[in-house]
């Protein structure tokens, strides 16, 4: 599987290269050349894999469709190391709770920081450590957070060999709980940087650094925000897990309602649907962090100021 930039850069790269690189050289996002298609037989195999072997096996089979530059045995071991009851509190990893007829709640917040982003970050930490070890390399991760991304990334990367994290966050604009999660970590490879401004100011710093190719290469800069395809790919798995738990046959369709700010979470659902998962509707629930909701309704992308 090769990956290309959304802005048209001619280079095609393999998964492990874009894992460490983040943004493409032209500032675009890396996406696969095509979405592997899941037919009825394949979906039946995935359903059986989850129910008989668990979430780690489901993750391995889906990730294998996109990752061909990590030996299968190694990728399987990384999935098994990541998705455990010890880390996520239950062997189901993402248990489905029945609320009423036709309505279910998929639990994505059982990880170390109680945020859904643990689902991808825990895998990213293991992928980074594995690939950097293969290359004998190091990576400085520059990230931006308003809370949950930062804590999930730091708990996933803490103590990982070859990885250092520099996480920017808007000063005084995070919840006390998430600020305590991040700022209380004493690991030598974790560094928190408070920025005067809002989340977009932090994200602008990350994007500016990512677009400075000479600086990025010299200081070996990587990312863990949604601009990294590996994180989005890991999130695709729990849409499949939710589907096979909520349905009994492949001819049933489900809809997902997703709380989302930057739409990274629901984008993973869109990818799952593009692959052929029988999803009817993807419903986005947002709050005052409605920049993208406003854009899709009005066609105007209005960046919020620092005030």
Protein backbone atom coordinates (compact mmCIF):
# COMPACT_ATOMS: atom_id res chain seq x y z
CA UNK A 1 0.00 0.00 0.00
CA UNK A 2 1.33 3.41 -1.00
CA UNK A 3 0.24 6.78 0.37
CA UNK A 4 -0.08 10.14 -1.37
CA UNK A 5 -0.54 13.76 -0.36
CA UNK A 6 -3.94 15.44 -0.55
CA UNK A 7 -2.16 18.42 -2.16
CA UNK A 8 -0.76 16.45 -5.08
CA UNK A 9 2.92 15.96 -4.20
CA UNK A 10 4.27 13.35 -6.66
CA UNK A 11 5.98 11.15 -4.06
CA UNK A 12 4.32 7.90 -3.00
CA UNK A 13 5.42 6.50 0.36
CA UNK A 14 4.89 3.39 2.44
CA UNK A 15 3.23 3.26 5.83
CA UNK A 16 6.27 3.36 8.12
CA UNK A 17 7.64 6.41 6.31
CA UNK A 18 4.45 8.43 6.75
CA UNK A 19 4.13 7.15 10.33
CA UNK A 20 7.30 9.04 11.23
CA UNK A 21 6.83 11.95 8.84
CA UNK A 22 3.33 13.22 9.69
CA UNK A 23 2.48 15.85 7.08
CA UNK A 24 3.57 15.47 3.46
CA UNK A 25 6.34 17.77 2.11
CA UNK A 26 3.75 20.04 0.46
CA UNK A 27 1.75 20.38 3.68
CA UNK A 28 -0.92 17.91 2.61
CA UNK A 29 -2.27 14.98 4.57
CA UNK A 30 -1.18 11.48 3.64
CA UNK A 31 -3.99 9.17 2.54
CA UNK A 32 -3.88 5.69 0.99
CA UNK A 33 -4.01 5.42 -2.80
CA UNK A 34 -7.23 3.47 -2.36
CA UNK A 35 -9.46 2.15 0.40
CA UNK A 36 -9.41 -1.67 0.58
CA UNK A 37 -12.92 -3.00 0.06
CA UNK A 38 -14.64 -5.25 2.59
CA UNK A 39 -17.13 -7.57 0.90
CA UNK A 40 -19.63 -9.82 2.66
CA UNK A 41 -17.17 -12.69 3.07
CA UNK A 42 -14.47 -10.40 4.48
CA UNK A 43 -16.92 -8.80 6.91
CA UNK A 44 -17.95 -12.26 8.09
CA UNK A 45 -14.29 -13.08 8.76
CA UNK A 46 -13.86 -9.85 10.72
CA UNK A 47 -17.01 -10.55 12.71
CA UNK A 48 -15.71 -14.01 13.58
CA UNK A 49 -12.26 -12.64 14.43
CA UNK A 50 -13.68 -10.19 16.97
CA UNK A 51 -16.08 -12.60 18.64
CA UNK A 52 -13.66 -15.54 18.78
CA UNK A 53 -10.24 -13.89 19.14
CA UNK A 54 -10.94 -10.38 20.38
CA UNK A 55 -10.26 -6.76 19.54
CA UNK A 56 -6.51 -7.18 19.00
CA UNK A 57 -7.12 -9.72 16.23
CA UNK A 58 -9.72 -7.47 14.61
CA UNK A 59 -7.24 -4.58 14.72
CA UNK A 60 -4.51 -6.75 13.21
CA UNK A 61 -6.69 -7.86 10.31
CA UNK A 62 -7.84 -4.32 9.47
CA UNK A 63 -4.40 -2.75 9.88
CA UNK A 64 -2.91 -5.47 7.66
CA UNK A 65 -4.97 -4.11 4.77
CA UNK A 66 -3.03 -0.84 4.97
CA UNK A 67 0.37 -1.86 6.36
CA UNK A 68 2.61 -4.10 4.26
CA UNK A 69 6.04 -2.92 5.42
CA UNK A 70 5.82 -4.43 8.91
CA UNK A 71 6.06 -8.24 9.02
CA UNK A 72 2.67 -9.76 9.84
CA UNK A 73 3.96 -11.50 12.96
CA UNK A 74 5.37 -8.23 14.29
CA UNK A 75 2.20 -6.26 13.54
CA UNK A 76 0.10 -8.93 15.24
CA UNK A 77 2.36 -8.78 18.30
CA UNK A 78 2.08 -4.97 18.43
CA UNK A 79 -1.73 -5.19 18.36
CA UNK A 80 -1.72 -7.83 21.10
CA UNK A 81 0.63 -5.70 23.20
CA UNK A 82 -1.61 -2.65 22.79
CA UNK A 83 -5.15 -3.90 23.22
CA UNK A 84 -5.17 -5.73 26.55
CA UNK A 85 -7.53 -5.90 29.50
CA UNK A 86 -4.73 -4.53 31.68
CA UNK A 87 -4.57 -1.33 29.61
CA UNK A 88 -8.27 -0.90 28.80
CA UNK A 89 -9.91 -2.45 31.85
CA UNK A 90 -11.88 -5.09 29.96
CA UNK A 91 -11.12 -7.83 27.48
CA UNK A 92 -13.80 -6.42 25.18
CA UNK A 93 -11.72 -3.21 24.89
CA UNK A 94 -14.75 -1.29 23.48
CA UNK A 95 -17.79 -2.92 25.14
CA UNK A 96 -21.22 -2.08 23.78
CA UNK A 97 -23.93 -1.16 26.28
CA UNK A 98 -27.57 -1.59 25.30
CA UNK A 99 -29.61 1.48 26.27
CA UNK A 100 -32.97 0.78 24.62
CA UNK A 101 -34.35 -0.77 21.45
CA UNK A 102 -32.13 0.28 18.57
CA UNK A 103 -29.81 2.38 20.75
CA UNK A 104 -26.36 1.35 21.98
CA UNK A 105 -23.43 3.09 23.63
CA UNK A 106 -19.91 2.09 22.60
CA UNK A 107 -17.41 2.69 25.41
CA UNK A 108 -14.21 4.21 24.03
CA UNK A 109 -12.96 5.79 27.26
CA UNK A 110 -11.60 2.84 29.21
CA UNK A 111 -7.93 3.60 28.50
CA UNK A 112 -5.29 5.12 30.79
CA UNK A 113 -6.49 8.74 30.39
CA UNK A 114 -10.23 7.98 30.09
CA UNK A 115 -10.37 9.57 26.61
CA UNK A 116 -11.27 7.89 23.31
CA UNK A 117 -7.90 9.00 21.93
CA UNK A 118 -6.22 6.28 23.98
CA UNK A 119 -7.59 3.85 21.39
CA UNK A 120 -5.18 5.15 18.76
CA UNK A 121 -2.42 6.68 20.88
CA UNK A 122 -1.60 3.45 22.70
CA UNK A 123 -1.00 1.78 19.34
CA UNK A 124 0.97 4.76 18.03
CA UNK A 125 3.34 4.60 20.98
CA UNK A 126 4.14 0.97 20.26
CA UNK A 127 4.42 1.57 16.50
CA UNK A 128 6.83 4.47 17.02
CA UNK A 129 9.04 2.52 19.40
CA UNK A 130 9.07 -0.49 17.06
CA UNK A 131 9.92 1.39 13.88
CA UNK A 132 12.48 3.68 15.50
CA UNK A 133 14.14 0.59 16.96
CA UNK A 134 14.32 -1.01 13.51
CA UNK A 135 15.96 2.11 12.09
CA UNK A 136 18.14 2.93 15.09
CA UNK A 137 16.59 6.40 14.98
CA UNK A 138 14.99 8.93 17.31
CA UNK A 139 11.87 11.09 16.95
CA UNK A 140 10.81 14.36 18.56
CA UNK A 141 7.02 14.50 18.62
CA UNK A 142 5.56 18.00 18.49
CA UNK A 143 1.86 18.08 19.32
CA UNK A 144 -1.00 20.45 20.08
CA UNK A 145 -3.79 19.82 22.55
CA UNK A 146 -6.68 21.35 24.39
CA UNK A 147 -6.64 18.39 26.76
CA UNK A 148 -7.39 14.86 25.68
CA UNK A 149 -4.91 14.54 22.79
CA UNK A 150 -2.03 15.67 24.97
CA UNK A 151 -2.69 13.43 27.93
CA UNK A 152 -3.42 10.41 25.71
CA UNK A 153 -0.23 10.99 23.70
CA UNK A 154 1.95 11.50 26.75
CA UNK A 155 0.68 8.40 28.54
CA UNK A 156 1.20 6.39 25.34
CA UNK A 157 4.75 7.68 24.74
CA UNK A 158 6.07 7.90 28.30
CA UNK A 159 9.17 5.78 28.68
CA UNK A 160 9.24 4.75 25.01
CA UNK A 161 12.73 4.29 23.61
CA UNK A 162 13.78 6.82 20.98
CA UNK A 163 10.74 9.08 21.50
CA UNK A 164 10.52 12.54 23.07
CA UNK A 165 7.23 14.46 23.31
CA UNK A 166 6.87 18.25 23.25
CA UNK A 167 3.18 19.02 23.77
CA UNK A 168 1.81 22.55 23.37
CA UNK A 169 -1.44 23.53 25.08
CA UNK A 170 -3.38 26.81 25.57
CA UNK A 171 -2.48 28.24 28.96
CA UNK A 172 -5.42 28.20 31.37
CA UNK A 173 -7.83 26.70 28.84
CA UNK A 174 -7.74 23.02 29.75
CA UNK A 175 -9.80 21.21 32.34
CA UNK A 176 -8.09 20.88 35.71
CA UNK A 177 -8.26 17.08 35.39
CA UNK A 178 -6.49 16.91 32.03
CA UNK A 179 -3.96 19.54 33.02
CA UNK A 180 -3.11 17.49 36.10
CA UNK A 181 -2.80 14.34 33.98
CA UNK A 182 -0.24 16.01 31.73
CA UNK A 183 1.69 18.30 34.03
CA UNK A 184 2.16 15.70 36.77
CA UNK A 185 4.15 13.33 34.54
CA UNK A 186 7.81 13.21 35.49
CA UNK A 187 9.12 11.02 32.66
CA UNK A 188 12.31 12.37 31.12
CA UNK A 189 10.95 12.13 27.57
CA UNK A 190 7.77 14.16 28.24
CA UNK A 191 7.78 17.98 27.96
CA UNK A 192 4.75 20.29 28.33
CA UNK A 193 4.70 23.78 26.79
CA UNK A 194 1.91 26.24 27.71
CA UNK A 195 1.05 28.77 24.98
CA UNK A 196 -0.74 32.09 25.46
CA UNK A 197 -3.73 31.69 23.13
CA UNK A 198 -6.23 29.04 22.05
CA UNK A 199 -5.86 25.55 20.62
CA UNK A 200 -5.65 26.84 17.03
CA UNK A 201 -2.56 28.85 18.02
CA UNK A 202 -0.93 25.66 19.25
CA UNK A 203 -1.93 23.77 16.12
CA UNK A 204 -0.55 26.59 13.95
CA UNK A 205 2.86 26.09 15.58
CA UNK A 206 2.76 22.37 14.83
CA UNK A 207 1.75 22.95 11.20
CA UNK A 208 4.39 25.67 10.72
CA UNK A 209 7.12 23.37 12.00
CA UNK A 210 5.81 20.48 9.90
CA UNK A 211 5.91 22.68 6.79
CA UNK A 212 9.54 23.73 7.44
CA UNK A 213 11.13 20.68 5.84
CA UNK A 214 14.73 21.59 6.65
CA UNK A 215 13.96 22.20 10.33
CA UNK A 216 11.74 19.13 10.51
CA UNK A 217 14.41 16.84 9.09
CA UNK A 218 17.26 18.35 11.10
CA UNK A 219 15.45 17.90 14.41
CA UNK A 220 13.55 14.72 13.45
CA UNK A 221 10.07 16.12 14.11
CA UNK A 222 6.99 13.89 14.06
CA UNK A 223 3.33 14.34 14.99
CA UNK A 224 0.52 12.56 16.84
CA UNK A 225 -2.38 14.85 15.97
CA UNK A 226 -5.05 13.79 13.48
CA UNK A 227 -2.75 14.88 10.66
CA UNK A 228 -0.97 11.55 11.19
CA UNK A 229 -2.75 8.86 9.14
CA UNK A 230 -1.66 6.10 11.54
CA UNK A 231 -3.81 7.59 14.27
CA UNK A 232 -6.84 7.84 12.01
CA UNK A 233 -6.33 4.26 10.84
CA UNK A 234 -6.28 2.95 14.40
CA UNK A 235 -9.62 4.66 15.03
CA UNK A 236 -11.24 2.92 12.05
CA UNK A 237 -11.05 -0.37 13.97
CA UNK A 238 -13.56 0.54 16.67
CA UNK A 239 -16.23 1.34 14.08
CA UNK A 240 -15.94 -2.24 12.89
CA UNK A 241 -15.97 -3.46 16.50
CA UNK A 242 -19.11 -1.47 17.26
CA UNK A 243 -20.82 -2.76 14.14
CA UNK A 244 -20.14 -6.47 14.73
CA UNK A 245 -21.31 -6.16 18.34
CA UNK A 246 -24.54 -4.35 17.47
CA UNK A 247 -25.59 -6.57 14.55
CA UNK A 248 -26.19 -10.23 13.88
CA UNK A 249 -25.91 -10.25 10.08
CA UNK A 250 -24.06 -8.28 7.43
CA UNK A 251 -27.23 -6.98 5.77
CA UNK A 252 -28.01 -4.80 8.80
CA UNK A 253 -27.04 -1.13 8.72
CA UNK A 254 -26.16 1.03 11.71
CA UNK A 255 -25.71 4.76 12.27
CA UNK A 256 -23.04 6.27 14.50
CA UNK A 257 -23.50 9.49 16.46
CA UNK A 258 -20.06 10.90 17.20
CA UNK A 259 -19.08 13.81 19.48
CA UNK A 260 -16.45 15.59 17.41
CA UNK A 261 -14.57 18.88 17.31
CA UNK A 262 -12.01 18.68 14.51
CA UNK A 263 -13.90 15.74 12.95
CA UNK A 264 -10.93 13.36 13.20
CA UNK A 265 -13.06 10.78 15.02
CA UNK A 266 -15.96 10.87 12.59
CA UNK A 267 -13.51 10.90 9.66
CA UNK A 268 -12.42 7.43 10.77
CA UNK A 269 -16.06 6.39 10.53
CA UNK A 270 -16.18 7.82 7.02
CA UNK A 271 -13.14 5.73 6.08
CA UNK A 272 -14.83 2.61 7.50
CA UNK A 273 -17.91 3.35 5.40
CA UNK A 274 -15.75 3.92 2.30
CA UNK A 275 -14.26 0.47 2.92
CA UNK A 276 -17.74 -1.04 2.76
CA UNK A 277 -18.82 -1.23 6.41
CA UNK A 278 -22.66 -1.01 6.31
CA UNK A 279 -23.01 2.40 7.95
CA UNK A 280 -26.21 4.30 7.25
CA UNK A 281 -25.58 7.74 8.75
CA UNK A 282 -22.70 9.45 10.50
CA UNK A 283 -24.16 12.07 12.84
CA UNK A 284 -21.80 14.67 14.30
CA UNK A 285 -22.52 16.14 17.73
CA UNK A 286 -20.57 19.32 18.46
CA UNK A 287 -20.55 22.11 21.05
CA UNK A 288 -19.21 25.67 20.97
CA UNK A 289 -16.09 24.25 19.29
CA UNK A 290 -18.05 24.44 16.04
CA UNK A 291 -15.53 25.76 13.49
CA UNK A 292 -16.04 22.83 11.11
CA UNK A 293 -19.79 22.63 11.69
CA UNK A 294 -20.01 26.30 10.74
CA UNK A 295 -17.85 25.69 7.67
CA UNK A 296 -20.04 22.87 6.36
CA UNK A 297 -23.22 24.87 6.99
CA UNK A 298 -22.06 28.22 5.59
CA UNK A 299 -19.01 27.54 3.43
CA UNK A 300 -17.01 29.98 5.57
CA UNK A 301 -13.99 28.76 7.54
CA UNK A 302 -13.71 31.26 10.39
CA UNK A 303 -10.66 30.70 12.56
CA UNK A 304 -11.31 31.70 16.16
CA UNK A 305 -9.08 34.40 17.60
CA UNK A 306 -6.85 34.18 20.65
CA UNK A 307 -9.06 36.39 22.79
